[in-house]
C-alpha atoms as a PDB file:
ATOM      1  CA  MET A   1      -5.935 -69.663  21.973  1.00  0.00           C
ATOM      2  CA  ILE A   2      -5.343 -71.668  18.716  1.00  0.00           C
ATOM      3  CA  ARG A   3      -7.770 -70.752  16.036  1.00  0.00           C
ATOM      4  CA  PRO A   4      -8.863 -73.170  13.202  1.00  0.00           C
ATOM      5  CA  ARG A   5      -7.314 -72.409   9.854  1.00  0.00           C
ATOM      6  CA  ILE A   6      -9.420 -70.923   7.093  1.00  0.00           C
ATOM      7  CA  THR A   7     -10.520 -73.503   4.506  1.00  0.00           C
ATOM      8  CA  PRO A   8      -9.412 -73.338   0.925  1.00  0.00           C
ATOM      9  CA  VAL A   9     -13.104 -72.544  -0.059  1.00  0.00           C
ATOM     10  CA  ALA A  10     -13.059 -69.517   2.184  1.00  0.00           C
ATOM     11  CA  VAL A  11      -9.688 -68.374   0.769  1.00  0.00           C
ATOM     12  CA  ALA A  12     -11.120 -68.444  -2.756  1.00  0.00           C
ATOM     13  CA  LEU A  13     -14.201 -66.530  -1.660  1.00  0.00           C
ATOM     14  CA  LEU A  14     -12.108 -63.866   0.054  1.00  0.00           C
ATOM     15  CA  LEU A  15      -9.934 -63.461  -3.050  1.00  0.00           C
ATOM     16  CA  ALA A  16     -13.227 -62.875  -4.973  1.00  0.00           C
ATOM     17  CA  LEU A  17     -14.304 -60.254  -2.414  1.00  0.00           C
ATOM     18  CA  ALA A  18     -11.011 -58.504  -2.766  1.00  0.00           C
ATOM     19  CA  SER A  19     -11.748 -57.744  -6.497  1.00  0.00           C
ATOM     20  CA  PRO A  20     -13.111 -54.300  -7.480  1.00  0.00           C
ATOM     21  CA  PHE A  21     -16.893 -54.115  -7.729  1.00  0.00           C
ATOM     22  CA  ALA A  22     -18.816 -52.861 -10.746  1.00  0.00           C
ATOM     23  CA  ALA A  23     -20.378 -50.167  -8.522  1.00  0.00           C
ATOM     24  CA  SER A  24     -19.025 -48.018  -5.807  1.00  0.00           C
ATOM     25  CA  THR A  25     -19.838 -49.236  -3.296  1.00  0.00           C
ATOM     26  CA  ALA A  26     -29.832 -65.927   9.986  1.00  0.00           C
ATOM     27  CA  PHE A  27     -28.133 -65.551   7.266  1.00  0.00           C
ATOM     28  CA  ALA A  28     -30.704 -65.754   4.743  1.00  0.00           C
ATOM     29  CA  GLN A  29     -31.268 -62.916   2.366  1.00  0.00           C
ATOM     30  CA  PRO A  30     -31.675 -60.099   4.948  1.00  0.00           C
ATOM     31  CA  VAL A  31     -35.081 -58.535   4.879  1.00  0.00           C
ATOM     32  CA  PRO A  32     -35.184 -55.182   6.717  1.00  0.00           C
ATOM     33  CA  PRO A  33     -38.262 -54.647   8.947  1.00  0.00           C
ATOM     34  CA  SER A  34     -41.057 -52.980   7.092  1.00  0.00           C
ATOM     35  CA  ARG A  35     -41.357 -49.370   7.929  1.00  0.00           C
ATOM     36  CA  PRO A  36     -44.278 -47.469   6.219  1.00  0.00           C
ATOM     37  CA  GLY A  37     -43.234 -44.412   4.389  1.00  0.00           C
ATOM     38  CA  THR A  38     -39.675 -45.383   3.815  1.00  0.00           C
ATOM     39  CA  VAL A  39     -40.007 -45.299   0.044  1.00  0.00           C
ATOM     40  CA  ALA A  40     -42.456 -42.897  -1.635  1.00  0.00           C
ATOM     41  CA  PRO A  41     -45.252 -44.798  -3.492  1.00  0.00           C
ATOM     42  CA  ASP A  42     -44.587 -42.889  -6.690  1.00  0.00           C
ATOM     43  CA  ASP A  43     -40.966 -44.078  -6.810  1.00  0.00           C
ATOM     44  CA  LYS A  44     -40.306 -44.079 -10.577  1.00  0.00           C
ATOM     45  CA  ALA A  45     -37.652 -46.826 -10.270  1.00  0.00           C
ATOM     46  CA  ASP A  46     -40.378 -49.260  -8.998  1.00  0.00           C
ATOM     47  CA  ASN A  47     -43.314 -48.297 -11.171  1.00  0.00           C
ATOM     48  CA  PRO A  48     -44.126 -48.365 -14.886  1.00  0.00           C
ATOM     49  CA  VAL A  49     -42.707 -45.418 -16.705  1.00  0.00           C
ATOM     50  CA  THR A  50     -44.953 -42.661 -17.907  1.00  0.00           C
ATOM     51  CA  PRO A  51     -45.229 -41.831 -21.627  1.00  0.00           C
ATOM     52  CA  ASN A  52     -42.355 -39.687 -22.881  1.00  0.00           C
ATOM     53  CA  THR A  53     -40.073 -41.131 -20.220  1.00  0.00           C
ATOM     54  CA  PRO A  54     -37.230 -43.333 -21.638  1.00  0.00           C
ATOM     55  CA  GLN A  55     -37.598 -46.787 -20.207  1.00  0.00           C
ATOM     56  CA  ARG A  56     -34.729 -48.010 -18.052  1.00  0.00           C
ATOM     57  CA  SER A  57     -33.399 -51.506 -18.560  1.00  0.00           C
ATOM     58  CA  PRO A  58     -33.593 -53.814 -15.499  1.00  0.00           C
ATOM     59  CA  ALA A  59     -29.877 -53.605 -15.113  1.00  0.00           C
ATOM     60  CA  ALA A  60     -29.854 -49.819 -15.273  1.00  0.00           C
ATOM     61  CA  THR A  61     -32.639 -49.554 -12.686  1.00  0.00           C
ATOM     62  CA  LEU A  62     -30.697 -51.861 -10.330  1.00  0.00           C
ATOM     63  CA  GLU A  63     -27.556 -49.934 -10.849  1.00  0.00           C
ATOM     64  CA  ARG A  64     -29.422 -46.835  -9.869  1.00  0.00           C
ATOM     65  CA  LEU A  65     -30.880 -48.480  -6.742  1.00  0.00           C
ATOM     66  CA  PHE A  66     -27.411 -49.629  -5.607  1.00  0.00           C
ATOM     67  CA  GLN A  67     -26.153 -46.043  -5.960  1.00  0.00           C
ATOM     68  CA  ARG A  68     -29.073 -44.826  -3.884  1.00  0.00           C
ATOM     69  CA  LEU A  69     -28.332 -47.575  -1.309  1.00  0.00           C
ATOM     70  CA  HIS A  70     -24.723 -46.497  -1.113  1.00  0.00           C
ATOM     71  CA  ASP A  71     -25.686 -42.810  -0.720  1.00  0.00           C
ATOM     72  CA  ALA A  72     -28.551 -43.244   1.635  1.00  0.00           C
ATOM     73  CA  ALA A  73     -28.261 -40.649   4.476  1.00  0.00           C
ATOM     74  CA  THR A  74     -30.292 -42.663   6.992  1.00  0.00           C
ATOM     75  CA  GLN A  75     -30.826 -46.255   7.956  1.00  0.00           C
ATOM     76  CA  GLU A  76     -34.618 -45.978   7.217  1.00  0.00           C
ATOM     77  CA  GLU A  77     -33.937 -44.660   3.689  1.00  0.00           C
ATOM     78  CA  ALA A  78     -31.394 -47.395   3.055  1.00  0.00           C
ATOM     79  CA  GLU A  79     -33.763 -50.154   4.333  1.00  0.00           C
ATOM     80  CA  GLY A  80     -36.377 -48.872   1.874  1.00  0.00           C
ATOM     81  CA  VAL A  81     -33.973 -49.014  -1.025  1.00  0.00           C
ATOM     82  CA  ALA A  82     -32.775 -52.414   0.087  1.00  0.00           C
ATOM     83  CA  ARG A  83     -36.354 -53.764  -0.168  1.00  0.00           C
ATOM     84  CA  LEU A  84     -36.565 -52.577  -3.758  1.00  0.00           C
ATOM     85  CA  ILE A  85     -33.221 -54.270  -4.645  1.00  0.00           C
ATOM     86  CA  GLN A  86     -34.439 -57.552  -2.938  1.00  0.00           C
ATOM     87  CA  ARG A  87     -37.659 -57.496  -4.952  1.00  0.00           C
ATOM     88  CA  ARG A  88     -35.550 -57.529  -8.140  1.00  0.00           C
ATOM     89  CA  TRP A  89     -33.296 -60.215  -6.870  1.00  0.00           C
ATOM     90  CA  ALA A  90     -36.467 -62.264  -6.089  1.00  0.00           C
ATOM     91  CA  ARG A  91     -37.468 -62.290  -9.806  1.00  0.00           C
ATOM     92  CA  SER A  92     -36.074 -65.135 -11.832  1.00  0.00           C
ATOM     93  CA  GLY A  93     -37.898 -64.516 -15.113  1.00  0.00           C
ATOM     94  CA  SER A  94     -39.519 -67.958 -14.824  1.00  0.00           C
ATOM     95  CA  ASP A  95     -42.961 -68.430 -13.301  1.00  0.00           C
ATOM     96  CA  THR A  96     -42.043 -72.128 -12.498  1.00  0.00           C
ATOM     97  CA  ALA A  97     -38.779 -71.159 -10.836  1.00  0.00           C
ATOM     98  CA  ASP A  98     -40.476 -68.414  -8.849  1.00  0.00           C
ATOM     99  CA  LEU A  99     -43.166 -70.873  -7.599  1.00  0.00           C
ATOM    100  CA  LEU A 100     -40.555 -73.405  -6.620  1.00  0.00           C
ATOM    101  CA  MET A 101     -38.612 -70.675  -4.771  1.00  0.00           C
ATOM    102  CA  THR A 102     -41.778 -69.704  -2.858  1.00  0.00           C
ATOM    103  CA  ARG A 103     -42.325 -73.305  -1.836  1.00  0.00           C
ATOM    104  CA  ALA A 104     -38.628 -73.603  -0.787  1.00  0.00           C
ATOM    105  CA  GLN A 105     -38.837 -70.542   1.401  1.00  0.00           C
ATOM    106  CA  GLN A 106     -42.042 -71.888   3.051  1.00  0.00           C
ATOM    107  CA  ALA A 107     -40.213 -75.194   3.673  1.00  0.00           C
ATOM    108  CA  LEU A 108     -37.415 -73.366   5.418  1.00  0.00           C
ATOM    109  CA  LYS A 109     -39.949 -71.455   7.594  1.00  0.00           C
ATOM    110  CA  ASP A 110     -41.497 -74.822   8.429  1.00  0.00           C
ATOM    111  CA  LYS A 111     -37.977 -76.181   9.284  1.00  0.00           C
ATOM    112  CA  GLN A 112     -38.222 -78.667   6.411  1.00  0.00           C
ATOM    113  CA  ASN A 113     -34.663 -78.071   5.329  1.00  0.00           C
ATOM    114  CA  GLU A 114     -34.132 -81.180   3.303  1.00  0.00           C
ATOM    115  CA  LEU A 115     -37.289 -80.399   1.295  1.00  0.00           C
ATOM    116  CA  ALA A 116     -36.037 -76.833   0.792  1.00  0.00           C
ATOM    117  CA  ILE A 117     -32.739 -77.938  -0.536  1.00  0.00           C
ATOM    118  CA  GLU A 118     -34.452 -80.435  -2.876  1.00  0.00           C
ATOM    119  CA  LEU A 119     -36.685 -77.644  -4.233  1.00  0.00           C
ATOM    120  CA  LEU A 120     -33.767 -75.247  -4.581  1.00  0.00           C
ATOM    121  CA  ASP A 121     -31.821 -77.856  -6.469  1.00  0.00           C
ATOM    122  CA  ARG A 122     -34.642 -77.878  -8.993  1.00  0.00           C
ATOM    123  CA  VAL A 123     -34.740 -74.044  -9.126  1.00  0.00           C
ATOM    124  CA  ILE A 124     -30.934 -73.922  -9.797  1.00  0.00           C
ATOM    125  CA  SER A 125     -31.266 -76.498 -12.552  1.00  0.00           C
ATOM    126  CA  LEU A 126     -33.995 -74.355 -14.150  1.00  0.00           C
ATOM    127  CA  GLN A 127     -32.342 -70.920 -13.655  1.00  0.00           C
ATOM    128  CA  PRO A 128     -28.588 -71.499 -13.063  1.00  0.00           C
ATOM    129  CA  ASP A 129     -27.764 -67.794 -13.421  1.00  0.00           C
ATOM    130  CA  TRP A 130     -30.233 -66.686 -10.714  1.00  0.00           C
ATOM    131  CA  ALA A 131     -28.010 -65.422  -7.945  1.00  0.00           C
ATOM    132  CA  GLU A 132     -30.791 -65.538  -5.352  1.00  0.00           C
ATOM    133  CA  ALA A 133     -31.436 -69.182  -5.837  1.00  0.00           C
ATOM    134  CA  TRP A 134     -27.801 -69.974  -5.007  1.00  0.00           C
ATOM    135  CA  ASN A 135     -28.052 -67.572  -1.970  1.00  0.00           C
ATOM    136  CA  GLN A 136     -31.169 -69.320  -0.667  1.00  0.00           C
ATOM    137  CA  ARG A 137     -29.583 -72.784  -1.040  1.00  0.00           C
ATOM    138  CA  ALA A 138     -26.517 -71.467   0.785  1.00  0.00           C
ATOM    139  CA  ASN A 139     -28.868 -70.475   3.540  1.00  0.00           C
ATOM    140  CA  ALA A 140     -30.567 -73.858   3.690  1.00  0.00           C
ATOM    141  CA  LEU A 141     -27.229 -75.734   3.645  1.00  0.00           C
ATOM    142  CA  TYR A 142     -26.065 -73.451   6.490  1.00  0.00           C
ATOM    143  CA  LEU A 143     -29.175 -74.315   8.454  1.00  0.00           C
ATOM    144  CA  MET A 144     -28.332 -78.054   7.823  1.00  0.00           C
ATOM    145  CA  GLY A 145     -24.957 -77.489   9.262  1.00  0.00           C
ATOM    146  CA  ASP A 146     -23.002 -77.895   6.010  1.00  0.00           C
ATOM    147  CA  ALA A 147     -20.828 -74.766   6.172  1.00  0.00           C
ATOM    148  CA  ILE A 148     -18.457 -75.912   3.350  1.00  0.00           C
ATOM    149  CA  ARG A 149     -21.255 -76.386   0.777  1.00  0.00           C
ATOM    150  CA  SER A 150     -22.887 -73.209   1.947  1.00  0.00           C
ATOM    151  CA  MET A 151     -19.717 -71.301   1.273  1.00  0.00           C
ATOM    152  CA  LEU A 152     -19.464 -72.829  -2.207  1.00  0.00           C
ATOM    153  CA  ASP A 153     -23.024 -71.601  -2.926  1.00  0.00           C
ATOM    154  CA  ILE A 154     -22.069 -68.144  -1.559  1.00  0.00           C
ATOM    155  CA  GLY A 155     -19.271 -68.172  -4.111  1.00  0.00           C
ATOM    156  CA  GLU A 156     -21.769 -68.932  -6.832  1.00  0.00           C
ATOM    157  CA  THR A 157     -23.966 -66.212  -5.625  1.00  0.00           C
ATOM    158  CA  LEU A 158     -21.237 -63.663  -5.695  1.00  0.00           C
ATOM    159  CA  LYS A 159     -20.166 -64.708  -9.220  1.00  0.00           C
ATOM    160  CA  ARG A 160     -23.611 -63.763 -10.491  1.00  0.00           C
ATOM    161  CA  GLU A 161     -24.182 -60.731  -8.201  1.00  0.00           C
ATOM    162  CA  PRO A 162     -20.906 -59.318  -6.849  1.00  0.00           C
ATOM    163  CA  ARG A 163     -22.898 -56.742  -4.863  1.00  0.00           C
ATOM    164  CA  HIS A 164     -24.887 -59.342  -2.927  1.00  0.00           C
ATOM    165  CA  TYR A 165     -24.455 -57.865   0.589  1.00  0.00           C
ATOM    166  CA  GLY A 166     -26.531 -60.609   2.136  1.00  0.00           C
ATOM    167  CA  ALA A 167     -24.177 -63.386   0.809  1.00  0.00           C
ATOM    168  CA  MET A 168     -21.164 -61.338   2.088  1.00  0.00           C
ATOM    169  CA  MET A 169     -22.755 -61.105   5.465  1.00  0.00           C
ATOM    170  CA  GLY A 170     -23.394 -64.972   5.411  1.00  0.00           C
ATOM    171  CA  LEU A 171     -19.781 -65.557   4.483  1.00  0.00           C
ATOM    172  CA  GLY A 172     -18.731 -63.341   7.385  1.00  0.00           C
ATOM    173  CA  MET A 173     -20.881 -65.224   9.806  1.00  0.00           C
ATOM    174  CA  ILE A 174     -19.504 -68.595   8.789  1.00  0.00           C
ATOM    175  CA  LEU A 175     -15.928 -67.416   8.986  1.00  0.00           C
ATOM    176  CA  ARG A 176     -16.452 -65.924  12.444  1.00  0.00           C
ATOM    177  CA  GLN A 177     -17.951 -69.226  13.547  1.00  0.00           C
ATOM    178  CA  GLN A 178     -14.828 -70.949  12.347  1.00  0.00           C
ATOM    179  CA  GLY A 179     -12.721 -68.666  14.460  1.00  0.00           C
ATOM    180  CA  ASP A 180     -11.225 -66.604  11.709  1.00  0.00           C
ATOM    181  CA  ASP A 181     -12.204 -63.040  12.838  1.00  0.00           C
ATOM    182  CA  LYS A 182      -9.839 -61.293  10.445  1.00  0.00           C
ATOM    183  CA  ALA A 183     -11.307 -62.953   7.389  1.00  0.00           C
ATOM    184  CA  ALA A 184     -14.865 -62.386   8.771  1.00  0.00           C
ATOM    185  CA  MET A 185     -14.121 -58.694   9.199  1.00  0.00           C
ATOM    186  CA  LYS A 186     -12.925 -58.532   5.557  1.00  0.00           C
ATOM    187  CA  ALA A 187     -16.298 -60.007   4.317  1.00  0.00           C
ATOM    188  CA  PHE A 188     -18.328 -57.656   6.593  1.00  0.00           C
ATOM    189  CA  ARG A 189     -16.549 -54.636   5.512  1.00  0.00           C
ATOM    190  CA  LYS A 190     -17.002 -55.551   1.822  1.00  0.00           C
ATOM    191  CA  ALA A 191     -20.766 -55.732   2.640  1.00  0.00           C
ATOM    192  CA  LEU A 192     -20.603 -52.226   4.092  1.00  0.00           C
ATOM    193  CA  GLU A 193     -18.992 -50.858   0.921  1.00  0.00           C
ATOM    194  CA  ILE A 194     -22.164 -51.702  -0.820  1.00  0.00           C
ATOM    195  CA  TYR A 195     -24.698 -51.027   1.940  1.00  0.00           C
ATOM    196  CA  PRO A 196     -23.096 -48.682   4.465  1.00  0.00           C
ATOM    197  CA  GLN A 197     -26.289 -48.458   6.595  1.00  0.00           C
ATOM    198  CA  PHE A 198     -26.634 -52.267   7.015  1.00  0.00           C
ATOM    199  CA  ASP A 199     -27.203 -52.295  10.731  1.00  0.00           C
ATOM    200  CA  ALA A 200     -26.593 -56.013  11.456  1.00  0.00           C
ATOM    201  CA  VAL A 201     -23.217 -55.868   9.656  1.00  0.00           C
ATOM    202  CA  LYS A 202     -22.205 -52.520  11.402  1.00  0.00           C
ATOM    203  CA  LYS A 203     -22.821 -54.319  14.765  1.00  0.00           C
ATOM    204  CA  ALA A 204     -20.730 -57.256  13.637  1.00  0.00           C
ATOM    205  CA  VAL A 205     -17.926 -54.962  12.637  1.00  0.00           C
ATOM    206  CA  ASP A 206     -17.976 -53.076  15.904  1.00  0.00           C
ATOM    207  CA  SER A 207     -17.948 -56.275  17.875  1.00  0.00           C
ATOM    208  CA  LEU A 208     -14.711 -57.467  15.987  1.00  0.00           C
ATOM    209  CA  LYS A 209     -12.963 -54.055  15.552  1.00  0.00           C
ATOM    210  CA  THR A 210     -10.996 -54.163  18.804  1.00  0.00           C
ATOM    211  CA  ASP A 211      -9.702 -57.700  18.435  1.00  0.00           C
ATOM    212  CA  VAL A 212      -8.949 -57.557  14.642  1.00  0.00           C
ATOM    213  CA  ASP A 213      -7.571 -54.059  14.310  1.00  0.00           C
ATOM    214  CA  GLY A 214      -5.738 -54.381  17.611  1.00  0.00           C
ATOM    215  CA  ARG A 215      -3.940 -57.536  16.467  1.00  0.00           C
ATOM    216  CA  ASP A 216      -2.933 -55.968  13.193  1.00  0.00           C
ATOM    217  CA  ALA A 217      -1.812 -52.644  14.699  1.00  0.00           C
END
């Protein structure tokens, strides 16, 4: 069977994924199912520090969470840490941008995709360095059937947050739909370097393994 050739946009994104990461390590931002008790309520990484405890910078706290995500022994533990990471990704530092993001996500839930994109355009103009704004617009564009622009926004997401496993998963999904299983597998495996317990991505890798690794063997 003849497979479509990978687009130049996808090639550029895969080259970016091939670069070393700072940490060892639907397609909307994946939100694991809520499981009570996954994360202890007194988790110091997600609560105000106590007196006499040196305060961690947001970047240092996020770095620590990514290490915990990578080292998690179980899927349940990893999902709890992923929720903490996603809470931090969801914070832009601007009340206005956060409000617009909330409205955009509601528009997506209501299947008002054009409105969601319009709102996300405004969010990005206000906070161009907010990785999650680019990721959410990539999702909206994907739902509108615009895979090329979606991949461009995935690229912008990964420029700002190279460990964004949700964006990597999204890229893999698009590449798989285009028929490039080998490139999709590369994106999925990069996501697993960051989040080894990412169940949806593990299933995607398992479903591709025979075809991809068999062809390359």
